[in-house]
PDB file of N, CA and C in Angstrom:
ATOM      1  N   UNK A   1     -41.062   8.576  66.383  1.00  0.00           N
ATOM      2  CA  UNK A   1     -40.564  10.078  65.750  1.00  0.00           C
ATOM      3  C   UNK A   1     -41.537  10.039  64.592  1.00  0.00           C
ATOM      4  N   UNK A   2     -41.868  11.247  64.387  1.00  0.00           N
ATOM      5  CA  UNK A   2     -42.739  11.806  63.298  1.00  0.00           C
ATOM      6  C   UNK A   2     -42.063  11.475  61.779  1.00  0.00           C
ATOM      7  N   UNK A   3     -42.819  10.871  60.856  1.00  0.00           N
ATOM      8  CA  UNK A   3     -42.066  10.960  59.587  1.00  0.00           C
ATOM      9  C   UNK A   3     -42.172  12.062  58.798  1.00  0.00           C
ATOM     10  N   UNK A   4     -41.346  12.623  58.035  1.00  0.00           N
ATOM     11  CA  UNK A   4     -41.126  13.470  57.084  1.00  0.00           C
ATOM     12  C   UNK A   4     -42.489  13.497  56.280  1.00  0.00           C
ATOM     13  N   UNK A   5     -43.074  14.750  56.377  1.00  0.00           N
ATOM     14  CA  UNK A   5     -44.435  14.878  55.282  1.00  0.00           C
ATOM     15  C   UNK A   5     -43.821  14.375  53.992  1.00  0.00           C
ATOM     16  N   UNK A   6     -45.024  14.228  53.403  1.00  0.00           N
ATOM     17  CA  UNK A   6     -44.573  13.493  52.129  1.00  0.00           C
ATOM     18  C   UNK A   6     -44.034  14.208  50.849  1.00  0.00           C
ATOM     19  N   UNK A   7     -44.471  15.670  51.042  1.00  0.00           N
ATOM     20  CA  UNK A   7     -44.151  16.727  50.215  1.00  0.00           C
ATOM     21  C   UNK A   7     -42.880  17.176  50.124  1.00  0.00           C
ATOM     22  N   UNK A   8     -42.150  16.844  51.204  1.00  0.00           N
ATOM     23  CA  UNK A   8     -40.622  16.658  51.837  1.00  0.00           C
ATOM     24  C   UNK A   8     -39.732  15.907  51.585  1.00  0.00           C
ATOM     25  N   UNK A   9     -40.326  14.720  51.538  1.00  0.00           N
ATOM     26  CA  UNK A   9     -39.386  13.393  51.385  1.00  0.00           C
ATOM     27  C   UNK A   9     -38.346  13.561  49.947  1.00  0.00           C
ATOM     28  N   UNK A  10     -38.735  13.959  49.156  1.00  0.00           N
ATOM     29  CA  UNK A  10     -38.073  13.897  47.845  1.00  0.00           C
ATOM     30  C   UNK A  10     -37.112  15.190  47.716  1.00  0.00           C
ATOM     31  N   UNK A  11     -37.366  15.994  48.738  1.00  0.00           N
ATOM     32  CA  UNK A  11     -36.419  17.269  48.649  1.00  0.00           C
ATOM     33  C   UNK A  11     -35.189  17.219  48.503  1.00  0.00           C
ATOM     34  N   UNK A  12     -34.405  17.873  47.492  1.00  0.00           N
ATOM     35  CA  UNK A  12     -33.024  18.043  47.501  1.00  0.00           C
ATOM     36  C   UNK A  12     -32.104  18.886  48.809  1.00  0.00           C
ATOM     37  N   UNK A  13     -31.060  18.797  48.965  1.00  0.00           N
ATOM     38  CA  UNK A  13     -30.458  19.854  49.782  1.00  0.00           C
ATOM     39  C   UNK A  13     -30.660  21.254  49.351  1.00  0.00           C
ATOM     40  N   UNK A  14     -30.857  21.294  47.960  1.00  0.00           N
ATOM     41  CA  UNK A  14     -30.567  22.976  47.751  1.00  0.00           C
ATOM     42  C   UNK A  14     -32.150  23.216  47.642  1.00  0.00           C
ATOM     43  N   UNK A  15     -33.139  22.433  47.518  1.00  0.00           N
ATOM     44  CA  UNK A  15     -34.633  22.623  47.832  1.00  0.00           C
ATOM     45  C   UNK A  15     -34.943  23.125  49.293  1.00  0.00           C
ATOM     46  N   UNK A  16     -33.952  22.701  50.067  1.00  0.00           N
ATOM     47  CA  UNK A  16     -34.291  22.526  51.509  1.00  0.00           C
ATOM     48  C   UNK A  16     -33.702  23.821  52.101  1.00  0.00           C
ATOM     49  N   UNK A  17     -32.298  24.120  51.410  1.00  0.00           N
ATOM     50  CA  UNK A  17     -31.499  25.502  51.590  1.00  0.00           C
ATOM     51  C   UNK A  17     -32.295  26.686  50.934  1.00  0.00           C
ATOM     52  N   UNK A  18     -33.328  26.661  50.140  1.00  0.00           N
ATOM     53  CA  UNK A  18     -33.847  27.642  49.527  1.00  0.00           C
ATOM     54  C   UNK A  18     -34.885  28.001  50.385  1.00  0.00           C
ATOM     55  N   UNK A  19     -35.860  26.659  51.000  1.00  0.00           N
ATOM     56  CA  UNK A  19     -36.733  27.097  51.979  1.00  0.00           C
ATOM     57  C   UNK A  19     -36.168  27.840  53.538  1.00  0.00           C
ATOM     58  N   UNK A  20     -35.363  27.477  53.645  1.00  0.00           N
ATOM     59  CA  UNK A  20     -34.488  28.067  54.619  1.00  0.00           C
ATOM     60  C   UNK A  20     -34.430  29.625  54.306  1.00  0.00           C
ATOM     61  N   UNK A  21     -33.952  29.824  53.293  1.00  0.00           N
ATOM     62  CA  UNK A  21     -33.063  31.149  52.779  1.00  0.00           C
ATOM     63  C   UNK A  21     -34.729  32.220  52.655  1.00  0.00           C
ATOM     64  N   UNK A  22     -35.832  31.684  52.043  1.00  0.00           N
ATOM     65  CA  UNK A  22     -36.936  32.396  51.967  1.00  0.00           C
ATOM     66  C   UNK A  22     -37.481  32.550  53.303  1.00  0.00           C
ATOM     67  N   UNK A  23     -37.829  31.919  54.292  1.00  0.00           N
ATOM     68  CA  UNK A  23     -38.042  32.041  55.648  1.00  0.00           C
ATOM     69  C   UNK A  23     -37.024  33.353  56.146  1.00  0.00           C
ATOM     70  N   UNK A  24     -35.797  33.024  56.143  1.00  0.00           N
ATOM     71  CA  UNK A  24     -35.041  33.892  56.722  1.00  0.00           C
ATOM     72  C   UNK A  24     -35.069  35.523  55.865  1.00  0.00           C
ATOM     73  N   UNK A  25     -35.378  35.470  54.335  1.00  0.00           N
ATOM     74  CA  UNK A  25     -35.483  37.134  54.037  1.00  0.00           C
ATOM     75  C   UNK A  25     -36.947  37.288  54.498  1.00  0.00           C
ATOM     76  N   UNK A  26     -38.032  36.552  54.664  1.00  0.00           N
ATOM     77  CA  UNK A  26     -38.903  37.029  54.834  1.00  0.00           C
ATOM     78  C   UNK A  26     -39.005  37.544  56.501  1.00  0.00           C
ATOM     79  N   UNK A  27     -37.884  37.155  57.253  1.00  0.00           N
ATOM     80  CA  UNK A  27     -37.785  37.714  58.298  1.00  0.00           C
ATOM     81  C   UNK A  27     -36.599  38.724  58.858  1.00  0.00           C
ATOM     82  N   UNK A  28     -36.580  39.457  57.502  1.00  0.00           N
ATOM     83  CA  UNK A  28     -35.726  40.632  57.629  1.00  0.00           C
ATOM     84  C   UNK A  28     -34.289  39.984  57.590  1.00  0.00           C
ATOM     85  N   UNK A  29     -33.741  38.796  57.083  1.00  0.00           N
ATOM     86  CA  UNK A  29     -32.318  38.399  57.440  1.00  0.00           C
ATOM     87  C   UNK A  29     -31.492  39.389  56.479  1.00  0.00           C
ATOM     88  N   UNK A  30     -30.411  39.602  56.833  1.00  0.00           N
ATOM     89  CA  UNK A  30     -29.563  40.579  55.941  1.00  0.00           C
ATOM     90  C   UNK A  30     -28.197  39.722  55.165  1.00  0.00           C
ATOM     91  N   UNK A  31     -27.836  40.341  54.263  1.00  0.00           N
ATOM     92  CA  UNK A  31     -26.836  39.564  53.791  1.00  0.00           C
ATOM     93  C   UNK A  31     -26.505  38.168  53.391  1.00  0.00           C
ATOM     94  N   UNK A  32     -27.586  37.611  53.101  1.00  0.00           N
ATOM     95  CA  UNK A  32     -27.764  36.245  53.031  1.00  0.00           C
ATOM     96  C   UNK A  32     -27.050  35.693  51.957  1.00  0.00           C
ATOM     97  N   UNK A  33     -26.531  34.443  51.748  1.00  0.00           N
ATOM     98  CA  UNK A  33     -26.289  33.762  50.899  1.00  0.00           C
ATOM     99  C   UNK A  33     -26.177  32.460  51.113  1.00  0.00           C
ATOM    100  N   UNK A  34     -26.199  31.565  50.257  1.00  0.00           N
ATOM    101  CA  UNK A  34     -26.284  30.034  50.069  1.00  0.00           C
ATOM    102  C   UNK A  34     -24.961  29.686  49.138  1.00  0.00           C
ATOM    103  N   UNK A  35     -24.150  28.999  49.828  1.00  0.00           N
ATOM    104  CA  UNK A  35     -22.842  28.479  49.330  1.00  0.00           C
ATOM    105  C   UNK A  35     -23.023  26.927  49.129  1.00  0.00           C
ATOM    106  N   UNK A  36     -22.874  26.380  47.979  1.00  0.00           N
ATOM    107  CA  UNK A  36     -22.791  24.883  47.617  1.00  0.00           C
ATOM    108  C   UNK A  36     -21.529  24.162  48.004  1.00  0.00           C
ATOM    109  N   UNK A  37     -21.529  23.554  49.001  1.00  0.00           N
ATOM    110  CA  UNK A  37     -20.071  23.089  49.387  1.00  0.00           C
ATOM    111  C   UNK A  37     -19.886  21.874  49.214  1.00  0.00           C
ATOM    112  N   UNK A  38     -20.655  20.760  48.517  1.00  0.00           N
ATOM    113  CA  UNK A  38     -20.916  19.584  47.761  1.00  0.00           C
ATOM    114  C   UNK A  38     -19.402  19.411  47.317  1.00  0.00           C
ATOM    115  N   UNK A  39     -18.717  18.198  47.840  1.00  0.00           N
ATOM    116  CA  UNK A  39     -17.278  17.963  46.914  1.00  0.00           C
ATOM    117  C   UNK A  39     -16.319  18.557  47.673  1.00  0.00           C
ATOM    118  N   UNK A  40     -16.554  19.720  48.433  1.00  0.00           N
ATOM    119  CA  UNK A  40     -15.480  20.190  49.402  1.00  0.00           C
ATOM    120  C   UNK A  40     -15.808  19.876  51.025  1.00  0.00           C
ATOM    121  N   UNK A  41     -16.853  19.530  51.374  1.00  0.00           N
ATOM    122  CA  UNK A  41     -16.983  19.407  52.588  1.00  0.00           C
ATOM    123  C   UNK A  41     -17.444  18.037  53.010  1.00  0.00           C
ATOM    124  N   UNK A  42     -17.429  17.625  53.978  1.00  0.00           N
ATOM    125  CA  UNK A  42     -17.729  16.391  54.312  1.00  0.00           C
ATOM    126  C   UNK A  42     -18.981  16.285  55.029  1.00  0.00           C
ATOM    127  N   UNK A  43     -19.470  16.958  55.605  1.00  0.00           N
ATOM    128  CA  UNK A  43     -20.620  16.937  56.380  1.00  0.00           C
ATOM    129  C   UNK A  43     -21.744  17.394  56.009  1.00  0.00           C
ATOM    130  N   UNK A  44     -21.856  18.348  54.927  1.00  0.00           N
ATOM    131  CA  UNK A  44     -23.068  19.163  54.566  1.00  0.00           C
ATOM    132  C   UNK A  44     -23.159  19.309  52.830  1.00  0.00           C
ATOM    133  N   UNK A  45     -23.638  19.465  52.354  1.00  0.00           N
ATOM    134  CA  UNK A  45     -23.976  19.870  51.044  1.00  0.00           C
ATOM    135  C   UNK A  45     -24.078  21.699  50.859  1.00  0.00           C
ATOM    136  N   UNK A  46     -24.755  22.274  52.015  1.00  0.00           N
ATOM    137  CA  UNK A  46     -25.158  23.606  51.365  1.00  0.00           C
ATOM    138  C   UNK A  46     -24.959  24.636  52.609  1.00  0.00           C
ATOM    139  N   UNK A  47     -24.436  25.442  52.710  1.00  0.00           N
ATOM    140  CA  UNK A  47     -24.332  26.417  53.956  1.00  0.00           C
ATOM    141  C   UNK A  47     -25.302  27.610  53.450  1.00  0.00           C
ATOM    142  N   UNK A  48     -26.428  28.062  54.569  1.00  0.00           N
ATOM    143  CA  UNK A  48     -26.962  29.251  54.257  1.00  0.00           C
ATOM    144  C   UNK A  48     -26.625  29.954  55.487  1.00  0.00           C
ATOM    145  N   UNK A  49     -26.012  31.383  54.661  1.00  0.00           N
ATOM    146  CA  UNK A  49     -25.303  32.134  56.007  1.00  0.00           C
ATOM    147  C   UNK A  49     -26.174  33.633  55.865  1.00  0.00           C
ATOM    148  N   UNK A  50     -26.076  34.015  56.828  1.00  0.00           N
ATOM    149  CA  UNK A  50     -26.867  35.391  57.047  1.00  0.00           C
ATOM    150  C   UNK A  50     -26.334  36.256  58.172  1.00  0.00           C
ATOM    151  N   UNK A  51     -26.982  37.439  58.462  1.00  0.00           N
ATOM    152  CA  UNK A  51     -26.575  38.157  59.625  1.00  0.00           C
ATOM    153  C   UNK A  51     -28.134  38.620  60.076  1.00  0.00           C
ATOM    154  N   UNK A  52     -27.905  39.094  61.467  1.00  0.00           N
ATOM    155  CA  UNK A  52     -28.780  39.624  62.091  1.00  0.00           C
ATOM    156  C   UNK A  52     -28.613  40.766  62.708  1.00  0.00           C
ATOM    157  N   UNK A  53     -29.499  41.949  62.717  1.00  0.00           N
ATOM    158  CA  UNK A  53     -29.464  43.238  63.069  1.00  0.00           C
ATOM    159  C   UNK A  53     -29.330  43.438  64.614  1.00  0.00           C
ATOM    160  N   UNK A  54     -29.662  42.148  65.707  1.00  0.00           N
ATOM    161  CA  UNK A  54     -29.063  42.235  66.899  1.00  0.00           C
ATOM    162  C   UNK A  54     -28.986  41.011  67.346  1.00  0.00           C
ATOM    163  N   UNK A  55     -28.846  40.631  68.624  1.00  0.00           N
ATOM    164  CA  UNK A  55     -28.752  39.582  69.079  1.00  0.00           C
ATOM    165  C   UNK A  55     -29.940  38.590  69.125  1.00  0.00           C
ATOM    166  N   UNK A  56     -31.023  39.643  69.678  1.00  0.00           N
ATOM    167  CA  UNK A  56     -32.441  38.980  69.769  1.00  0.00           C
ATOM    168  C   UNK A  56     -32.922  38.584  68.055  1.00  0.00           C
ATOM    169  N   UNK A  57     -32.449  39.506  66.996  1.00  0.00           N
ATOM    170  CA  UNK A  57     -33.073  39.297  65.826  1.00  0.00           C
ATOM    171  C   UNK A  57     -32.352  38.139  65.452  1.00  0.00           C
ATOM    172  N   UNK A  58     -30.972  38.020  65.878  1.00  0.00           N
ATOM    173  CA  UNK A  58     -30.176  36.538  65.542  1.00  0.00           C
ATOM    174  C   UNK A  58     -31.249  35.398  65.859  1.00  0.00           C
ATOM    175  N   UNK A  59     -31.659  35.244  67.096  1.00  0.00           N
ATOM    176  CA  UNK A  59     -32.245  34.357  68.010  1.00  0.00           C
ATOM    177  C   UNK A  59     -33.554  34.178  67.441  1.00  0.00           C
ATOM    178  N   UNK A  60     -34.082  35.191  66.995  1.00  0.00           N
ATOM    179  CA  UNK A  60     -35.688  35.298  66.361  1.00  0.00           C
ATOM    180  C   UNK A  60     -35.493  34.266  65.099  1.00  0.00           C
ATOM    181  N   UNK A  61     -34.538  34.953  64.110  1.00  0.00           N
ATOM    182  CA  UNK A  61     -34.342  34.133  62.900  1.00  0.00           C
ATOM    183  C   UNK A  61     -34.194  32.780  63.188  1.00  0.00           C
ATOM    184  N   UNK A  62     -33.322  32.364  64.231  1.00  0.00           N
ATOM    185  CA  UNK A  62     -33.138  30.984  64.379  1.00  0.00           C
ATOM    186  C   UNK A  62     -34.693  30.295  64.632  1.00  0.00           C
ATOM    187  N   UNK A  63     -35.010  30.657  65.412  1.00  0.00           N
ATOM    188  CA  UNK A  63     -36.338  30.191  65.981  1.00  0.00           C
ATOM    189  C   UNK A  63     -37.585  30.116  64.738  1.00  0.00           C
ATOM    190  N   UNK A  64     -37.500  31.086  63.951  1.00  0.00           N
ATOM    191  CA  UNK A  64     -38.345  30.939  62.993  1.00  0.00           C
ATOM    192  C   UNK A  64     -38.219  29.916  61.755  1.00  0.00           C
ATOM    193  N   UNK A  65     -36.452  30.137  61.386  1.00  0.00           N
ATOM    194  CA  UNK A  65     -36.226  29.002  60.218  1.00  0.00           C
ATOM    195  C   UNK A  65     -36.690  27.383  61.186  1.00  0.00           C
ATOM    196  N   UNK A  66     -35.895  27.263  62.552  1.00  0.00           N
ATOM    197  CA  UNK A  66     -36.286  26.195  62.858  1.00  0.00           C
ATOM    198  C   UNK A  66     -37.824  25.551  63.167  1.00  0.00           C
ATOM    199  N   UNK A  67     -38.513  26.272  63.037  1.00  0.00           N
ATOM    200  CA  UNK A  67     -40.021  25.912  63.630  1.00  0.00           C
ATOM    201  C   UNK A  67     -40.677  25.931  62.209  1.00  0.00           C
ATOM    202  N   UNK A  68     -40.108  26.870  60.950  1.00  0.00           N
ATOM    203  CA  UNK A  68     -40.625  26.006  59.919  1.00  0.00           C
ATOM    204  C   UNK A  68     -40.145  24.768  59.010  1.00  0.00           C
ATOM    205  N   UNK A  69     -39.001  24.698  59.478  1.00  0.00           N
ATOM    206  CA  UNK A  69     -38.502  23.170  59.212  1.00  0.00           C
ATOM    207  C   UNK A  69     -39.190  22.267  59.877  1.00  0.00           C
ATOM    208  N   UNK A  70     -39.320  22.881  61.545  1.00  0.00           N
ATOM    209  CA  UNK A  70     -40.022  21.754  62.179  1.00  0.00           C
ATOM    210  C   UNK A  70     -41.518  21.103  61.771  1.00  0.00           C
ATOM    211  N   UNK A  71     -42.087  22.320  61.283  1.00  0.00           N
ATOM    212  CA  UNK A  71     -43.407  22.216  60.502  1.00  0.00           C
ATOM    213  C   UNK A  71     -43.632  21.201  59.711  1.00  0.00           C
ATOM    214  N   UNK A  72     -42.420  20.982  58.892  1.00  0.00           N
ATOM    215  CA  UNK A  72     -42.070  19.974  57.872  1.00  0.00           C
ATOM    216  C   UNK A  72     -41.619  18.703  58.260  1.00  0.00           C
ATOM    217  N   UNK A  73     -41.309  18.517  59.513  1.00  0.00           N
ATOM    218  CA  UNK A  73     -40.943  17.197  60.137  1.00  0.00           C
ATOM    219  C   UNK A  73     -39.526  16.966  59.922  1.00  0.00           C
ATOM    220  N   UNK A  74     -38.675  18.251  59.636  1.00  0.00           N
ATOM    221  CA  UNK A  74     -37.340  18.548  59.341  1.00  0.00           C
ATOM    222  C   UNK A  74     -36.728  18.981  60.796  1.00  0.00           C
ATOM    223  N   UNK A  75     -36.203  17.993  61.502  1.00  0.00           N
ATOM    224  CA  UNK A  75     -35.249  18.907  63.030  1.00  0.00           C
ATOM    225  C   UNK A  75     -34.223  18.441  62.755  1.00  0.00           C
ATOM    226  N   UNK A  76     -33.701  19.739  63.387  1.00  0.00           N
ATOM    227  CA  UNK A  76     -31.854  19.877  63.612  1.00  0.00           C
ATOM    228  C   UNK A  76     -31.434  18.708  64.468  1.00  0.00           C
ATOM    229  N   UNK A  77     -30.529  18.343  63.465  1.00  0.00           N
ATOM    230  CA  UNK A  77     -29.271  17.570  64.460  1.00  0.00           C
ATOM    231  C   UNK A  77     -28.574  18.101  65.595  1.00  0.00           C
ATOM    232  N   UNK A  78     -28.268  19.142  65.191  1.00  0.00           N
ATOM    233  CA  UNK A  78     -27.538  19.750  66.135  1.00  0.00           C
ATOM    234  C   UNK A  78     -27.732  21.210  65.920  1.00  0.00           C
ATOM    235  N   UNK A  79     -28.018  22.102  67.010  1.00  0.00           N
ATOM    236  CA  UNK A  79     -28.409  23.518  67.236  1.00  0.00           C
ATOM    237  C   UNK A  79     -27.119  24.278  68.007  1.00  0.00           C
ATOM    238  N   UNK A  80     -26.910  25.239  67.922  1.00  0.00           N
ATOM    239  CA  UNK A  80     -25.783  25.950  69.041  1.00  0.00           C
ATOM    240  C   UNK A  80     -25.900  27.482  68.818  1.00  0.00           C
ATOM    241  N   UNK A  81     -25.594  28.074  70.157  1.00  0.00           N
ATOM    242  CA  UNK A  81     -25.191  29.709  69.895  1.00  0.00           C
ATOM    243  C   UNK A  81     -26.975  30.011  70.175  1.00  0.00           C
ATOM    244  N   UNK A  82     -28.071  29.595  70.869  1.00  0.00           N
ATOM    245  CA  UNK A  82     -29.321  30.049  70.617  1.00  0.00           C
ATOM    246  C   UNK A  82     -29.443  30.938  71.987  1.00  0.00           C
ATOM    247  N   UNK A  83     -28.800  30.581  73.109  1.00  0.00           N
ATOM    248  CA  UNK A  83     -28.975  31.579  74.045  1.00  0.00           C
ATOM    249  C   UNK A  83     -27.831  32.919  74.093  1.00  0.00           C
ATOM    250  N   UNK A  84     -26.811  32.668  73.504  1.00  0.00           N
ATOM    251  CA  UNK A  84     -26.175  34.148  73.321  1.00  0.00           C
ATOM    252  C   UNK A  84     -26.662  34.672  72.290  1.00  0.00           C
ATOM    253  N   UNK A  85     -26.971  34.373  70.943  1.00  0.00           N
ATOM    254  CA  UNK A  85     -27.295  35.016  69.612  1.00  0.00           C
ATOM    255  C   UNK A  85     -26.209  35.688  68.640  1.00  0.00           C
ATOM    256  N   UNK A  86     -24.966  35.327  69.287  1.00  0.00           N
ATOM    257  CA  UNK A  86     -23.726  36.078  68.247  1.00  0.00           C
ATOM    258  C   UNK A  86     -23.757  35.239  67.000  1.00  0.00           C
ATOM    259  N   UNK A  87     -23.777  33.830  67.359  1.00  0.00           N
ATOM    260  CA  UNK A  87     -23.708  33.051  66.176  1.00  0.00           C
ATOM    261  C   UNK A  87     -24.501  31.664  66.468  1.00  0.00           C
ATOM    262  N   UNK A  88     -25.380  31.496  65.778  1.00  0.00           N
ATOM    263  CA  UNK A  88     -26.404  30.569  65.965  1.00  0.00           C
ATOM    264  C   UNK A  88     -26.109  29.467  64.678  1.00  0.00           C
ATOM    265  N   UNK A  89     -25.785  28.307  65.034  1.00  0.00           N
ATOM    266  CA  UNK A  89     -25.641  27.197  63.879  1.00  0.00           C
ATOM    267  C   UNK A  89     -26.805  26.056  64.020  1.00  0.00           C
ATOM    268  N   UNK A  90     -27.352  26.034  62.737  1.00  0.00           N
ATOM    269  CA  UNK A  90     -28.283  25.021  62.687  1.00  0.00           C
ATOM    270  C   UNK A  90     -28.394  23.730  62.250  1.00  0.00           C
ATOM    271  N   UNK A  91     -27.957  22.829  62.346  1.00  0.00           N
ATOM    272  CA  UNK A  91     -27.650  21.751  61.277  1.00  0.00           C
ATOM    273  C   UNK A  91     -28.918  20.796  60.935  1.00  0.00           C
ATOM    274  N   UNK A  92     -29.179  21.006  59.497  1.00  0.00           N
ATOM    275  CA  UNK A  92     -30.309  20.186  59.117  1.00  0.00           C
ATOM    276  C   UNK A  92     -29.901  18.911  58.262  1.00  0.00           C
ATOM    277  N   UNK A  93     -28.665  18.500  58.440  1.00  0.00           N
ATOM    278  CA  UNK A  93     -27.937  17.393  57.560  1.00  0.00           C
ATOM    279  C   UNK A  93     -27.327  17.844  56.281  1.00  0.00           C
ATOM    280  N   UNK A  94     -28.022  17.921  55.274  1.00  0.00           N
ATOM    281  CA  UNK A  94     -27.657  18.406  53.942  1.00  0.00           C
ATOM    282  C   UNK A  94     -27.319  19.873  53.617  1.00  0.00           C
ATOM    283  N   UNK A  95     -28.256  20.593  55.392  1.00  0.00           N
ATOM    284  CA  UNK A  95     -27.950  22.116  54.820  1.00  0.00           C
ATOM    285  C   UNK A  95     -27.448  22.748  56.269  1.00  0.00           C
ATOM    286  N   UNK A  96     -26.569  23.657  56.312  1.00  0.00           N
ATOM    287  CA  UNK A  96     -26.447  23.724  57.545  1.00  0.00           C
ATOM    288  C   UNK A  96     -26.634  25.267  57.945  1.00  0.00           C
ATOM    289  N   UNK A  97     -27.152  26.096  58.574  1.00  0.00           N
ATOM    290  CA  UNK A  97     -27.560  27.338  58.658  1.00  0.00           C
ATOM    291  C   UNK A  97     -26.661  27.790  59.759  1.00  0.00           C
ATOM    292  N   UNK A  98     -26.080  29.273  59.457  1.00  0.00           N
ATOM    293  CA  UNK A  98     -25.338  30.107  60.143  1.00  0.00           C
ATOM    294  C   UNK A  98     -26.196  31.533  60.067  1.00  0.00           C
ATOM    295  N   UNK A  99     -26.121  31.697  61.498  1.00  0.00           N
ATOM    296  CA  UNK A  99     -26.768  33.143  61.667  1.00  0.00           C
ATOM    297  C   UNK A  99     -25.949  34.013  62.516  1.00  0.00           C
ATOM    298  N   UNK A 100     -25.421  34.789  62.136  1.00  0.00           N
ATOM    299  CA  UNK A 100     -24.206  35.756  62.890  1.00  0.00           C
ATOM    300  C   UNK A 100     -24.893  37.199  63.084  1.00  0.00           C
ATOM    301  N   UNK A 101     -24.173  37.630  64.107  1.00  0.00           N
ATOM    302  CA  UNK A 101     -24.459  38.843  64.431  1.00  0.00           C
ATOM    303  C   UNK A 101     -23.265  39.526  63.928  1.00  0.00           C
ATOM    304  N   UNK A 102     -23.728  40.972  63.376  1.00  0.00           N
ATOM    305  CA  UNK A 102     -22.726  41.417  62.287  1.00  0.00           C
ATOM    306  C   UNK A 102     -21.241  41.189  62.670  1.00  0.00           C
ATOM    307  N   UNK A 103     -20.865  42.061  63.877  1.00  0.00           N
ATOM    308  CA  UNK A 103     -19.526  41.425  64.091  1.00  0.00           C
ATOM    309  C   UNK A 103     -18.917  40.478  64.370  1.00  0.00           C
ATOM    310  N   UNK A 104     -19.600  39.224  64.571  1.00  0.00           N
ATOM    311  CA  UNK A 104     -19.040  37.750  64.912  1.00  0.00           C
ATOM    312  C   UNK A 104     -18.886  37.402  63.305  1.00  0.00           C
ATOM    313  N   UNK A 105     -19.770  37.582  62.089  1.00  0.00           N
ATOM    314  CA  UNK A 105     -19.424  37.445  61.011  1.00  0.00           C
ATOM    315  C   UNK A 105     -18.277  37.571  59.955  1.00  0.00           C
ATOM    316  N   UNK A 106     -17.935  38.918  60.669  1.00  0.00           N
ATOM    317  CA  UNK A 106     -16.728  39.558  59.907  1.00  0.00           C
ATOM    318  C   UNK A 106     -15.577  39.010  60.724  1.00  0.00           C
ATOM    319  N   UNK A 107     -15.524  38.603  62.018  1.00  0.00           N
ATOM    320  CA  UNK A 107     -14.294  37.802  62.538  1.00  0.00           C
ATOM    321  C   UNK A 107     -14.313  36.203  62.100  1.00  0.00           C
ATOM    322  N   UNK A 108     -15.206  35.593  61.793  1.00  0.00           N
ATOM    323  CA  UNK A 108     -15.312  34.182  61.402  1.00  0.00           C
ATOM    324  C   UNK A 108     -15.171  34.216  59.626  1.00  0.00           C
ATOM    325  N   UNK A 109     -15.538  34.570  59.276  1.00  0.00           N
ATOM    326  CA  UNK A 109     -15.332  35.135  57.614  1.00  0.00           C
ATOM    327  C   UNK A 109     -15.263  33.484  57.191  1.00  0.00           C
ATOM    328  N   UNK A 110     -16.601  32.954  57.161  1.00  0.00           N
ATOM    329  CA  UNK A 110     -17.233  31.797  56.557  1.00  0.00           C
ATOM    330  C   UNK A 110     -16.857  32.034  55.254  1.00  0.00           C
ATOM    331  N   UNK A 111     -17.113  32.834  54.515  1.00  0.00           N
ATOM    332  CA  UNK A 111     -16.999  33.336  53.076  1.00  0.00           C
ATOM    333  C   UNK A 111     -15.842  32.875  52.290  1.00  0.00           C
ATOM    334  N   UNK A 112     -14.771  33.567  53.410  1.00  0.00           N
ATOM    335  CA  UNK A 112     -13.651  33.615  53.072  1.00  0.00           C
ATOM    336  C   UNK A 112     -12.928  32.334  53.373  1.00  0.00           C
ATOM    337  N   UNK A 113     -13.499  31.439  54.206  1.00  0.00           N
ATOM    338  CA  UNK A 113     -12.864  30.423  54.541  1.00  0.00           C
ATOM    339  C   UNK A 113     -13.368  29.157  53.492  1.00  0.00           C
ATOM    340  N   UNK A 114     -14.539  29.265  53.035  1.00  0.00           N
ATOM    341  CA  UNK A 114     -14.954  28.292  51.856  1.00  0.00           C
ATOM    342  C   UNK A 114     -15.128  29.087  50.617  1.00  0.00           C
ATOM    343  N   UNK A 115     -13.860  29.856  50.356  1.00  0.00           N
ATOM    344  CA  UNK A 115     -13.742  30.719  49.350  1.00  0.00           C
ATOM    345  C   UNK A 115     -13.832  29.794  47.873  1.00  0.00           C
ATOM    346  N   UNK A 116     -13.898  28.513  48.067  1.00  0.00           N
ATOM    347  CA  UNK A 116     -13.569  27.611  46.656  1.00  0.00           C
ATOM    348  C   UNK A 116     -15.582  26.994  46.344  1.00  0.00           C
ATOM    349  N   UNK A 117     -16.055  27.498  47.741  1.00  0.00           N
ATOM    350  CA  UNK A 117     -17.792  27.052  47.415  1.00  0.00           C
ATOM    351  C   UNK A 117     -18.359  27.925  46.049  1.00  0.00           C
ATOM    352  N   UNK A 118     -19.378  27.179  45.702  1.00  0.00           N
ATOM    353  CA  UNK A 118     -19.876  27.982  44.447  1.00  0.00           C
ATOM    354  C   UNK A 118     -21.225  28.635  45.386  1.00  0.00           C
ATOM    355  N   UNK A 119     -21.726  30.053  44.765  1.00  0.00           N
ATOM    356  CA  UNK A 119     -22.591  30.819  45.497  1.00  0.00           C
ATOM    357  C   UNK A 119     -23.843  30.226  44.481  1.00  0.00           C
ATOM    358  N   UNK A 120     -24.905  30.195  45.228  1.00  0.00           N
ATOM    359  CA  UNK A 120     -26.308  29.913  44.940  1.00  0.00           C
ATOM    360  C   UNK A 120     -27.267  30.858  44.773  1.00  0.00           C
ATOM    361  N   UNK A 121     -27.622  31.218  43.503  1.00  0.00           N
ATOM    362  CA  UNK A 121     -28.496  32.231  42.993  1.00  0.00           C
ATOM    363  C   UNK A 121     -29.608  32.369  43.966  1.00  0.00           C
ATOM    364  N   UNK A 122     -30.210  32.977  44.612  1.00  0.00           N
ATOM    365  CA  UNK A 122     -31.553  33.113  45.366  1.00  0.00           C
ATOM    366  C   UNK A 122     -32.604  34.119  45.295  1.00  0.00           C
ATOM    367  N   UNK A 123     -32.165  34.747  43.448  1.00  0.00           N
ATOM    368  CA  UNK A 123     -32.955  35.755  43.123  1.00  0.00           C
ATOM    369  C   UNK A 123     -34.682  34.777  43.069  1.00  0.00           C
ATOM    370  N   UNK A 124     -34.630  33.863  42.588  1.00  0.00           N
ATOM    371  CA  UNK A 124     -36.057  33.352  42.204  1.00  0.00           C
ATOM    372  C   UNK A 124     -36.899  32.861  43.554  1.00  0.00           C
ATOM    373  N   UNK A 125     -36.716  33.127  44.612  1.00  0.00           N
ATOM    374  CA  UNK A 125     -37.413  32.534  45.530  1.00  0.00           C
ATOM    375  C   UNK A 125     -38.143  33.417  45.708  1.00  0.00           C
TER     376      UNK A 125
END
């Protein structure tokens, strides 16, 4: 197994979430938000939630984010939904990325479910 690149060994979950967010925004992700779920989630610190315009766009966003993180030797411990492209989940440990097709995002309403989470500003990306 390759070791994490030196410049990423000390990155916090927030910094990794911002990397995912920047890559997604560069790939035209829509309605992107980052939620700080530390203290209210036992399995991760940050959610990065976004929408894609089509199932292919959802799949493309997932592939781009996964590829960028893989280039930094940060691999997903779990990925789901890549085949269908309706809701893709990428688990990077401290960061979980959710990529939805619009209708699925409305149905699952993660923002409502995790309403106690603090939104993180992504304006400085």
